[in-house]
Amino acid sequence: MKFLDLPDDLIAEILRWLDEDSVYTCSLVNKGLRAYLHHDLEFEYRYRLAKHQLVDTCHGRFTYEQRIHLLKHFTWMWWSDIGSPKEPYEAYRIEGRCIAYELVAGVFAKTDGSSLTMQWLPSLFTPARQITYSRRKIGFPIKDFALDPTQDLITLIEADLLPNVLPRGREIVIHIKRLSTYAPHPLAKEPTIRFMVPYHPQGNYPQGVTIQLAGDLLSIFFSSPPGLPQLLLWDWKRNAIILNSMTPGLHLPTGTHSFEILSPRSYALLSTTNSGSIHVYNIDYPRNPIVPPFCVARLMMPSLLPGLQLASLFSHTGPFLGQPRRDGIFTTSPDARVFVITARFLNTPRTHATFFINGAAFAPYMQLRDQPSEIPEIPWQEWSNQKCFLTPFHLSTNWLRQVRYVQGTRVVMPMEEPSHGKVAILDFNLVRDPIAERSSNFDLFTEDIRHILPPRTQAFLVNSRCTSWMIDEDYILGLDTEGAFDEQIRSLEVYSMYHCPKVEALLLSSNTE
């Protein structure tokens, strides 16, 4: 008996044991299964989710027919070419000086160093709201922060006003708070994390600080003394140190220029030595809490032409969430991710290149759990094959330290000067479309680089004077800013991919059923 000869209810029960990716694979390999899956609304919905690298968070609130309708509309809103300029769905006044800002899971936050303002964006199920914590409520000057609304979590680095060089160690304090109330976070064993930066004659003030969250992992990367990078990792819930690179024997590799989280148990150190490389580290905590993170592979960047020098190598990706978002019907799969790596070169007219690398390129190395006796060097052609797009241009991030221009596999970037009102969306979802390849050495590399083209691109016209652009699951967001050094925000403009009369009517009908 063939599988499709079984009773429909038995076939459906068997297929319900499959995840969305497996349902999608079934539809590709067998015409009969494809017809069956598209005939059944449940499996058609799961097929469409997998195609767009989404996961369901509805939990039965809508019928499958309604969910398919909303998913089709969501896709249409992202990729339709309506011709006329888009108008912002809403503009929020978030005025004042800004030294750091973030956008994570529908929450935009910014600080001027003393107060903290947070704007919750409207979702299908929750209205917009804004909270400002005053200088008095914060209680200390803020240097930088990271947040995860899915865990109701914000971590803030306390700034100090002491001289750059202290004749003793400098204590750094990180406060762990609830985002919604600013109370100490109930899952944190201690309300603060503290560490010392030892004395150095060139200075022990942390410079170029970045703080990140990924589930229970908290990282801080900085330079101290100037030019010497340092990395610290904690389990913020248990206040347990996982790595302190200032400890003898745990120093970062020579040439380390930047740091990127790959997953809650993997990270990358980007090195500018020679033509550049990416050191992939895995964390065996908490299984082996006394074993420090270990390097499992050195992924080589393409070899440069003689005389060229790699001056910098930075990476950016979307936020890591501790829990799935619950403010919509579906949300981006945690496996859907693109890393944007920007390189700057010396001794060449082509001074920049931007690599868009799908997260699947790192996946084989993140799964390694045994420390190798010798760290393998993986050639560029091998590890990046069919997973990278390269452009010999600098991705425009023209205000402050722009963050959050990546969400899932999508990237937002201005196409022209802000006054021209053109914004591009690039989608590197490798599931859904055939991949076209190109090759060139871009007058930078010793060999031609074979790279894919973005599976999907779209240009939006916007009625806006915004200078910086961000992307969230349901929105494109523009920052209307001013100032070259004393940066000021005028407003936050929100371009929604959900809100329209059709969607609102469907939600209303669902709530009245």
Protein backbone atom coordinates (compact mmCIF):
# COMPACT_ATOMS: atom_id res chain seq x y z
CA MET A 1 0.00 0.00 0.00
CA LYS A 2 1.25 3.47 -0.88
CA PHE A 3 1.37 6.19 1.74
CA LEU A 4 -1.26 8.31 -0.02
CA ASP A 5 -3.63 5.32 -0.13
CA LEU A 6 -4.04 5.56 3.64
CA PRO A 7 -7.17 7.24 5.02
CA ASP A 8 -6.93 11.04 5.01
CA ASP A 9 -7.26 11.33 8.77
CA LEU A 10 -4.38 8.88 9.27
CA ILE A 11 -2.18 10.73 6.74
CA ALA A 12 -2.92 14.00 8.53
CA GLU A 13 -2.06 12.49 11.92
CA ILE A 14 1.28 11.21 10.59
CA LEU A 15 2.18 14.52 8.94
CA ARG A 16 1.43 16.44 12.14
CA TRP A 17 4.53 14.84 13.63
CA LEU A 18 6.66 16.67 11.06
CA ASP A 19 8.09 20.12 11.64
CA GLU A 20 7.49 22.93 9.13
CA ASP A 21 10.78 22.35 7.29
CA SER A 22 9.95 18.67 6.78
CA VAL A 23 6.48 19.54 5.49
CA TYR A 24 8.07 21.92 3.01
CA THR A 25 10.56 19.23 1.91
CA CYS A 26 7.72 16.74 1.36
CA SER A 27 6.01 19.19 -0.97
CA LEU A 28 9.17 19.44 -3.09
CA VAL A 29 9.97 15.75 -3.55
CA ASN A 30 6.55 14.24 -4.29
CA LYS A 31 3.79 15.65 -6.50
CA GLY A 32 1.11 13.62 -4.74
CA LEU A 33 2.16 14.91 -1.34
CA ARG A 34 2.36 18.44 -2.69
CA ALA A 35 -1.23 18.20 -3.95
CA TYR A 36 -2.37 16.74 -0.62
CA LEU A 37 -0.58 19.39 1.43
CA HIS A 38 -2.09 22.21 -0.61
CA HIS A 39 -5.53 20.64 -0.35
CA ASP A 40 -5.39 20.61 3.46
CA LEU A 41 -5.42 24.12 4.98
CA GLU A 42 -3.37 23.16 8.03
CA PHE A 43 -0.53 21.76 5.97
CA GLU A 44 -0.75 24.53 3.37
CA TYR A 45 -0.25 27.01 6.22
CA ARG A 46 2.71 25.05 7.58
CA TYR A 47 4.18 24.85 4.06
CA ARG A 48 3.90 28.61 3.62
CA LEU A 49 5.46 29.23 7.03
CA ALA A 50 8.47 27.07 6.18
CA LYS A 51 8.84 28.76 2.79
CA HIS A 52 9.16 32.14 4.50
CA GLN A 53 11.17 30.82 7.49
CA LEU A 54 8.44 31.66 9.98
CA VAL A 55 6.98 29.76 12.94
CA ASP A 56 3.41 29.83 14.21
CA THR A 57 2.63 31.64 17.49
CA CYS A 58 -1.15 31.80 17.09
CA HIS A 59 -2.06 28.82 19.29
CA GLY A 60 -5.51 28.36 17.77
CA ARG A 61 -6.69 31.96 17.98
CA PHE A 62 -7.45 32.06 14.23
CA THR A 63 -8.61 29.45 11.76
CA TYR A 64 -6.08 28.14 9.25
CA GLU A 65 -7.95 29.96 6.49
CA GLN A 66 -7.57 33.25 8.37
CA ARG A 67 -3.90 32.57 9.09
CA ILE A 68 -3.19 31.83 5.42
CA HIS A 69 -4.98 35.05 4.47
CA LEU A 70 -2.90 37.08 6.93
CA LEU A 71 0.32 35.40 5.82
CA LYS A 72 -0.43 36.19 2.17
CA HIS A 73 -1.15 39.80 3.08
CA PHE A 74 2.02 40.05 5.17
CA THR A 75 4.07 38.80 2.19
CA TRP A 76 2.29 41.13 -0.21
CA MET A 77 2.94 44.14 2.00
CA TRP A 78 6.67 43.40 2.11
CA TRP A 79 7.14 42.72 -1.58
CA SER A 80 4.42 44.56 -3.51
CA ASP A 81 5.48 47.43 -5.73
CA ILE A 82 2.76 50.00 -5.15
CA GLY A 83 4.61 52.68 -7.12
CA SER A 84 3.58 55.65 -5.00
CA PRO A 85 5.61 56.65 -1.93
CA LYS A 86 4.74 54.88 1.32
CA GLU A 87 3.41 57.00 4.14
CA PRO A 88 4.37 56.26 7.74
CA TYR A 89 1.72 54.37 9.69
CA GLU A 90 2.72 56.33 12.76
CA ALA A 91 5.38 58.82 13.86
CA TYR A 92 6.40 58.87 17.51
CA ARG A 93 8.03 61.83 19.18
CA ILE A 94 11.21 60.55 20.79
CA GLU A 95 13.14 63.76 21.04
CA GLY A 96 16.45 64.62 22.58
CA ARG A 97 20.09 63.70 22.66
CA CYS A 98 21.02 60.08 22.03
CA ILE A 99 24.25 58.23 22.84
CA ALA A 100 22.92 54.69 22.30
CA TYR A 101 19.79 53.08 20.93
CA GLU A 102 18.33 49.64 20.25
CA LEU A 103 15.45 47.98 18.43
CA VAL A 104 14.50 44.48 19.57
CA ALA A 105 11.23 42.53 19.23
CA GLY A 106 9.02 45.55 18.67
CA VAL A 107 10.63 47.84 21.26
CA PHE A 108 12.76 50.87 20.36
CA ALA A 109 14.85 52.27 23.21
CA LYS A 110 17.30 55.15 23.44
CA THR A 111 19.30 56.89 26.14
CA ASP A 112 20.93 60.28 26.48
CA GLY A 113 23.21 58.92 29.19
CA SER A 114 20.94 59.73 32.10
CA SER A 115 17.32 58.85 31.21
CA LEU A 116 15.92 55.96 29.17
CA THR A 117 12.99 56.14 26.73
CA MET A 118 11.27 53.04 25.34
CA GLN A 119 8.65 52.95 22.61
CA TRP A 120 6.63 49.74 22.23
CA LEU A 121 5.42 49.51 18.63
CA PRO A 122 1.82 48.45 17.98
CA SER A 123 1.33 44.80 17.10
CA LEU A 124 -1.65 42.73 16.06
CA PHE A 125 -2.53 42.08 19.70
CA THR A 126 -1.03 44.97 21.70
CA PRO A 127 -1.27 48.76 21.37
CA ALA A 128 1.65 51.17 21.25
CA ARG A 129 2.95 52.67 24.49
CA GLN A 130 5.90 54.75 25.61
CA ILE A 131 7.77 54.75 28.92
CA THR A 132 10.55 57.08 30.06
CA TYR A 133 12.64 56.27 33.10
CA SER A 134 14.00 59.51 34.56
CA ARG A 135 17.53 60.17 35.75
CA ARG A 136 16.31 59.82 39.32
CA LYS A 137 14.72 56.41 38.64
CA ILE A 138 17.77 55.13 36.74
CA GLY A 139 20.08 56.21 39.56
CA PHE A 140 23.37 56.20 37.62
CA PRO A 141 24.83 57.45 34.31
CA ILE A 142 24.36 55.01 31.40
CA LYS A 143 27.20 54.04 29.09
CA ASP A 144 25.38 51.45 26.94
CA PHE A 145 22.60 48.88 27.20
CA ALA A 146 21.04 45.78 25.66
CA LEU A 147 17.48 44.52 25.89
CA ASP A 148 15.30 41.49 25.22
CA PRO A 149 11.57 42.22 25.53
CA THR A 150 10.72 38.51 25.25
CA GLN A 151 12.41 38.08 28.65
CA ASP A 152 11.29 41.50 29.98
CA LEU A 153 15.01 42.21 30.31
CA ILE A 154 17.33 45.18 30.02
CA THR A 155 21.01 45.25 31.00
CA LEU A 156 22.70 48.61 31.49
CA ILE A 157 26.40 49.42 31.82
CA GLU A 158 27.03 52.07 34.44
CA ALA A 159 29.29 54.85 33.18
CA ASP A 160 31.93 56.45 35.38
CA LEU A 161 33.40 59.92 35.16
CA LEU A 162 36.85 58.96 36.41
CA PRO A 163 40.08 59.65 34.47
CA ASN A 164 41.04 57.31 31.62
CA VAL A 165 44.04 56.07 33.60
CA LEU A 166 43.47 54.89 37.15
CA PRO A 167 46.39 53.79 39.34
CA ARG A 168 44.26 50.83 40.42
CA GLY A 169 41.75 48.51 38.82
CA ARG A 170 38.55 50.02 37.45
CA GLU A 171 35.27 48.39 38.50
CA ILE A 172 32.59 48.08 35.82
CA VAL A 173 29.00 47.50 36.92
CA ILE A 174 26.21 46.01 34.79
CA HIS A 175 22.65 46.34 36.12
CA ILE A 176 20.07 43.63 35.31
CA LYS A 177 16.53 45.01 35.31
CA ARG A 178 13.01 44.28 34.17
CA LEU A 179 12.25 46.26 31.04
CA SER A 180 8.63 46.94 31.99
CA THR A 181 9.12 48.16 35.57
CA TYR A 182 12.87 48.76 36.06
CA ALA A 183 12.78 46.45 39.08
CA PRO A 184 15.61 43.93 39.54
CA HIS A 185 15.01 41.01 37.20
CA PRO A 186 13.51 38.08 39.12
CA LEU A 187 15.47 35.45 37.14
CA ALA A 188 18.83 37.05 37.95
CA LYS A 189 20.64 35.59 40.94
CA GLU A 190 22.21 39.00 41.60
CA PRO A 191 20.91 42.46 40.55
CA THR A 192 24.34 43.49 39.24
CA ILE A 193 27.34 41.93 37.53
CA ARG A 194 30.72 43.43 38.40
CA PHE A 195 34.20 43.00 36.97
CA MET A 196 37.57 44.74 37.16
CA VAL A 197 39.63 46.23 34.35
CA PRO A 198 43.23 46.13 35.62
CA TYR A 199 45.60 49.07 35.63
CA HIS A 200 47.56 49.78 32.46
CA PRO A 201 49.83 52.80 31.88
CA GLN A 202 48.04 53.54 28.59
CA GLY A 203 44.65 53.55 30.29
CA ASN A 204 42.03 51.17 31.64
CA TYR A 205 38.86 52.94 30.52
CA PRO A 206 36.78 50.60 28.29
CA GLN A 207 36.48 52.00 24.77
CA GLY A 208 34.29 50.89 21.86
CA VAL A 209 31.99 49.00 24.22
CA THR A 210 29.29 46.69 22.84
CA ILE A 211 26.94 44.68 25.05
CA GLN A 212 24.75 41.87 23.68
CA LEU A 213 22.21 39.31 24.90
CA ALA A 214 21.38 35.84 23.59
CA GLY A 215 19.09 33.89 25.88
CA ASP A 216 20.98 33.46 29.16
CA LEU A 217 24.25 34.65 27.58
CA LEU A 218 25.48 38.19 28.25
CA SER A 219 28.55 39.51 26.43
CA ILE A 220 30.60 42.68 26.63
CA PHE A 221 33.35 43.47 24.11
CA PHE A 222 35.65 46.50 24.44
CA SER A 223 39.23 47.73 24.15
CA SER A 224 41.45 48.34 27.17
CA PRO A 225 44.10 49.60 26.92
CA PRO A 226 43.36 51.27 23.56
CA GLY A 227 43.82 48.82 20.71
CA LEU A 228 43.73 45.69 22.89
CA PRO A 229 40.30 43.99 22.61
CA GLN A 230 38.74 42.19 25.56
CA LEU A 231 35.73 39.88 25.80
CA LEU A 232 33.70 38.80 28.82
CA LEU A 233 30.81 36.31 28.81
CA TRP A 234 28.36 35.48 31.61
CA ASP A 235 25.30 33.46 32.37
CA TRP A 236 23.38 36.51 33.60
CA LYS A 237 20.79 34.40 35.39
CA ARG A 238 23.33 32.63 37.61
CA ASN A 239 25.89 35.45 37.64
CA ALA A 240 28.41 32.86 36.42
CA ILE A 241 31.46 33.95 34.43
CA ILE A 242 32.00 31.91 31.26
CA LEU A 243 34.98 33.80 29.83
CA ASN A 244 37.21 36.68 30.88
CA SER A 245 39.84 37.28 28.21
CA MET A 246 41.86 39.39 30.67
CA THR A 247 42.67 36.16 32.52
CA PRO A 248 46.18 34.83 31.72
CA GLY A 249 45.98 32.06 29.13
CA LEU A 250 42.60 33.20 27.79
CA HIS A 251 43.69 36.16 25.66
CA LEU A 252 41.98 36.72 22.32
CA PRO A 253 43.73 35.69 19.07
CA THR A 254 46.23 38.05 17.49
CA GLY A 255 44.54 40.47 15.13
CA THR A 256 41.10 40.25 16.77
CA HIS A 257 39.13 43.24 15.55
CA SER A 258 35.49 42.55 16.43
CA PHE A 259 33.09 40.08 18.01
CA GLU A 260 29.75 38.57 17.01
CA ILE A 261 27.36 36.17 18.71
CA LEU A 262 26.37 33.26 16.45
CA SER A 263 24.00 31.56 18.91
CA PRO A 264 23.54 31.38 22.69
CA ARG A 265 26.37 28.83 22.71
CA SER A 266 28.60 29.99 19.85
CA TYR A 267 30.40 33.18 18.89
CA ALA A 268 32.88 34.51 16.34
CA LEU A 269 36.01 36.63 16.64
CA LEU A 270 36.84 38.48 13.43
CA SER A 271 40.56 38.94 12.77
CA THR A 272 42.27 41.31 10.35
CA THR A 273 45.50 39.28 10.25
CA ASN A 274 46.64 38.74 6.64
CA SER A 275 43.48 38.64 4.48
CA GLY A 276 41.17 38.16 7.45
CA SER A 277 39.54 35.22 9.17
CA ILE A 278 36.59 34.33 11.40
CA HIS A 279 37.39 32.24 14.49
CA VAL A 280 34.33 30.20 15.52
CA TYR A 281 34.11 29.35 19.23
CA ASN A 282 31.68 27.02 20.96
CA ILE A 283 30.65 27.18 24.61
CA ASP A 284 30.29 23.94 26.59
CA TYR A 285 28.63 25.68 29.53
CA PRO A 286 26.83 24.55 31.68
CA ARG A 287 27.76 20.94 30.82
CA ASN A 288 31.44 21.68 31.53
CA PRO A 289 31.42 24.99 33.44
CA ILE A 290 35.17 24.96 34.11
CA VAL A 291 36.08 24.48 30.43
CA PRO A 292 36.47 27.86 28.68
CA PRO A 293 35.02 28.37 25.19
CA PHE A 294 37.16 26.69 22.53
CA CYS A 295 37.85 27.44 18.88
CA VAL A 296 36.48 24.78 16.50
CA ALA A 297 37.36 26.35 13.14
CA ARG A 298 39.13 29.25 11.48
CA LEU A 299 37.07 30.36 8.48
CA MET A 300 39.32 32.15 6.01
CA MET A 301 38.24 35.27 4.17
CA PRO A 302 39.19 35.51 0.46
CA SER A 303 42.89 36.21 -0.20
CA LEU A 304 43.73 39.82 -1.06
CA LEU A 305 45.80 41.01 -4.00
CA PRO A 306 49.47 41.77 -3.20
CA GLY A 307 49.92 45.15 -1.52
CA LEU A 308 46.38 45.39 -0.19
CA GLN A 309 45.78 45.54 3.54
CA LEU A 310 42.67 44.65 5.53
CA ALA A 311 42.12 47.53 7.95
CA SER A 312 38.85 46.55 9.65
CA LEU A 313 36.31 43.74 9.78
CA PHE A 314 32.94 44.16 11.50
CA SER A 315 29.81 42.01 11.70
CA HIS A 316 26.16 42.77 12.38
CA THR A 317 23.10 40.54 12.62
CA GLY A 318 19.60 40.65 14.04
CA PRO A 319 18.89 40.31 17.76
CA PHE A 320 18.83 36.98 19.58
CA LEU A 321 15.64 36.42 21.57
CA GLY A 322 15.33 34.33 24.69
CA GLN A 323 11.71 33.40 23.90
CA PRO A 324 9.55 33.45 20.75
CA ARG A 325 7.61 36.66 20.23
CA ARG A 326 3.94 36.44 21.23
CA ASP A 327 2.60 39.67 19.74
CA GLY A 328 1.64 38.25 16.34
CA ILE A 329 0.26 35.21 14.55
CA PHE A 330 3.67 34.09 13.33
CA THR A 331 7.25 35.10 13.97
CA THR A 332 10.66 34.70 12.36
CA SER A 333 12.30 31.32 12.89
CA PRO A 334 15.42 31.54 15.07
CA ASP A 335 17.27 29.69 12.29
CA ALA A 336 16.53 32.50 9.80
CA ARG A 337 19.55 34.78 10.02
CA VAL A 338 21.97 36.73 7.85
CA PHE A 339 25.29 38.22 9.00
CA VAL A 340 26.48 41.44 7.36
CA ILE A 341 30.28 41.67 7.44
CA THR A 342 31.84 44.95 6.37
CA ALA A 343 35.50 45.12 5.40
CA ARG A 344 37.71 48.18 4.84
CA PHE A 345 40.91 48.02 2.78
CA LEU A 346 44.03 50.16 2.39
CA ASN A 347 46.23 50.76 -0.67
CA THR A 348 43.38 50.39 -3.18
CA PRO A 349 40.74 52.61 -4.81
CA ARG A 350 38.17 49.96 -3.76
CA THR A 351 38.19 50.75 -0.07
CA HIS A 352 35.19 48.70 1.07
CA ALA A 353 33.36 45.43 0.59
CA THR A 354 30.23 44.10 2.25
CA PHE A 355 29.60 40.36 2.67
CA PHE A 356 26.04 39.14 3.30
CA ILE A 357 26.44 35.63 4.72
CA ASN A 358 23.48 33.38 5.43
CA GLY A 359 23.57 31.86 8.91
CA ALA A 360 23.58 28.38 7.38
CA ALA A 361 27.27 28.94 6.53
CA PHE A 362 28.18 28.84 10.24
CA ALA A 363 25.77 26.07 11.28
CA PRO A 364 28.10 23.07 10.67
CA TYR A 365 30.75 24.55 12.96
CA MET A 366 28.34 25.65 15.69
CA GLN A 367 27.26 22.02 16.09
CA LEU A 368 30.76 20.79 16.97
CA ARG A 369 30.96 19.98 20.68
CA ASP A 370 34.46 18.49 20.95
CA GLN A 371 37.59 20.62 21.10
CA PRO A 372 39.84 19.75 18.14
CA SER A 373 43.48 18.87 18.73
CA GLU A 374 44.36 21.23 15.90
CA ILE A 375 42.15 24.08 14.72
CA PRO A 376 41.21 23.50 11.06
CA GLU A 377 41.50 26.33 8.55
CA ILE A 378 38.52 26.24 6.18
CA PRO A 379 39.06 27.92 2.78
CA TRP A 380 36.65 30.67 1.78
CA GLN A 381 35.33 28.74 -1.22
CA GLU A 382 34.36 25.81 0.99
CA TRP A 383 32.57 27.40 3.91
CA SER A 384 30.82 30.22 2.02
CA ASN A 385 29.67 28.19 -1.00
CA GLN A 386 26.14 29.19 -2.12
CA LYS A 387 25.62 31.15 1.09
CA CYS A 388 27.22 34.55 0.45
CA PHE A 389 26.46 37.70 -1.52
CA LEU A 390 29.25 40.24 -1.96
CA THR A 391 29.15 43.85 -3.02
CA PRO A 392 32.23 46.12 -3.31
CA PHE A 393 30.50 48.97 -1.52
CA HIS A 394 30.14 50.23 2.01
CA LEU A 395 26.72 49.64 3.53
CA SER A 396 25.52 53.10 4.46
CA THR A 397 25.14 53.42 8.23
CA ASN A 398 25.41 57.13 8.52
CA TRP A 399 24.25 58.10 11.98
CA LEU A 400 25.81 57.33 15.32
CA ARG A 401 26.53 53.59 15.54
CA GLN A 402 23.59 52.41 13.48
CA VAL A 403 22.13 49.15 14.70
CA ARG A 404 19.30 46.83 13.74
CA TYR A 405 19.36 47.14 9.96
CA VAL A 406 19.10 43.30 9.90
CA GLN A 407 16.12 41.19 10.95
CA GLY A 408 16.03 37.48 10.19
CA THR A 409 17.27 37.18 6.61
CA ARG A 410 16.20 40.72 5.63
CA VAL A 411 18.40 43.81 5.42
CA VAL A 412 17.25 47.42 5.06
CA MET A 413 19.48 50.09 3.56
CA PRO A 414 19.06 53.56 2.02
CA MET A 415 19.62 53.46 -1.74
CA GLU A 416 20.38 57.14 -2.20
CA GLU A 417 20.68 60.30 -0.16
CA PRO A 418 17.97 60.46 2.52
CA SER A 419 16.20 63.36 0.81
CA HIS A 420 15.58 61.16 -2.24
CA GLY A 421 13.36 58.85 -0.19
CA LYS A 422 14.41 55.44 -1.52
CA VAL A 423 14.91 52.45 0.76
CA ALA A 424 15.99 48.96 -0.32
CA ILE A 425 15.06 45.63 1.25
CA LEU A 426 17.31 42.63 0.54
CA ASP A 427 16.11 39.16 1.54
CA PHE A 428 18.61 36.30 1.82
CA ASN A 429 16.09 33.57 2.56
CA LEU A 430 17.72 30.70 0.65
CA VAL A 431 14.69 28.41 1.04
CA ARG A 432 12.31 29.99 -1.38
CA ASP A 433 13.98 30.87 -4.69
CA PRO A 434 16.56 29.45 -7.13
CA ILE A 435 19.99 31.00 -6.63
CA ALA A 436 21.75 32.89 -9.41
CA GLU A 437 25.55 33.02 -9.24
CA ARG A 438 28.08 35.60 -10.34
CA SER A 439 31.86 35.74 -10.06
CA SER A 440 34.40 38.55 -9.92
CA ASN A 441 37.58 39.44 -8.07
CA PHE A 442 36.28 43.04 -7.61
CA ASP A 443 39.88 44.26 -8.06
CA LEU A 444 40.44 43.14 -4.47
CA PHE A 445 41.02 39.39 -4.38
CA THR A 446 43.53 37.00 -5.93
CA GLU A 447 40.77 34.75 -7.28
CA ASP A 448 37.28 35.35 -8.57
CA ILE A 449 34.70 35.18 -5.81
CA ARG A 450 31.69 33.06 -6.69
CA HIS A 451 28.72 34.56 -4.92
CA ILE A 452 24.96 34.36 -5.09
CA LEU A 453 22.58 37.19 -5.84
CA PRO A 454 19.98 38.13 -3.22
CA PRO A 455 16.98 35.86 -3.78
CA ARG A 456 14.72 38.88 -3.40
CA THR A 457 15.11 42.65 -3.48
CA GLN A 458 12.63 45.48 -3.27
CA ALA A 459 12.87 49.25 -3.34
CA PHE A 460 10.41 51.42 -1.43
CA LEU A 461 9.67 55.04 -2.05
CA VAL A 462 9.01 56.80 1.25
CA ASN A 463 7.81 60.27 2.10
CA SER A 464 10.50 60.87 4.68
CA ARG A 465 13.57 62.88 5.59
CA CYS A 466 14.90 60.11 7.85
CA THR A 467 18.67 59.64 7.87
CA SER A 468 18.86 56.13 9.34
CA TRP A 469 16.76 53.04 8.77
CA MET A 470 16.01 49.97 10.86
CA ILE A 471 13.95 46.84 10.32
CA ASP A 472 11.76 44.80 12.63
CA GLU A 473 9.56 41.80 11.98
CA ASP A 474 6.52 43.86 10.96
CA TYR A 475 8.02 47.27 10.25
CA ILE A 476 10.52 49.46 8.52
CA LEU A 477 11.52 52.26 10.87
CA GLY A 478 13.19 55.56 10.09
CA LEU A 479 15.01 57.86 12.49
CA ASP A 480 14.69 61.57 11.82
CA THR A 481 17.92 62.87 13.32
CA GLU A 482 20.27 65.82 13.37
CA GLY A 483 23.76 66.61 14.61
CA ALA A 484 27.16 65.19 13.75
CA PHE A 485 28.56 64.87 17.27
CA ASP A 486 25.81 65.86 19.72
CA GLU A 487 23.26 63.58 18.08
CA GLN A 488 19.61 64.50 18.45
CA ILE A 489 16.51 62.50 17.54
CA ARG A 490 13.42 64.31 16.30
CA SER A 491 11.08 61.38 15.76
CA LEU A 492 10.69 57.69 14.97
CA GLU A 493 8.71 56.95 11.78
CA VAL A 494 7.03 53.55 11.48
CA TYR A 495 6.10 51.95 8.15
CA SER A 496 3.81 49.03 8.94
CA MET A 497 3.56 45.74 7.04
CA TYR A 498 0.38 44.74 8.86
CA HIS A 499 -1.95 47.59 9.52
CA CYS A 500 -4.53 48.15 6.82
CA PRO A 501 -8.35 48.01 6.72
CA LYS A 502 -8.39 44.37 5.49
CA VAL A 503 -6.27 43.09 8.37
CA GLU A 504 -8.09 45.16 10.97
CA ALA A 505 -11.44 43.89 9.68
CA LEU A 506 -10.21 40.29 9.94
CA LEU A 507 -9.00 40.84 13.50
CA LEU A 508 -12.30 42.44 14.44
CA SER A 509 -14.29 39.55 13.00
CA SER A 510 -12.08 37.07 14.87
CA ASN A 511 -12.58 38.86 18.17
CA THR A 512 -16.37 38.85 17.79
CA GLU A 513 -16.66 35.15 16.92
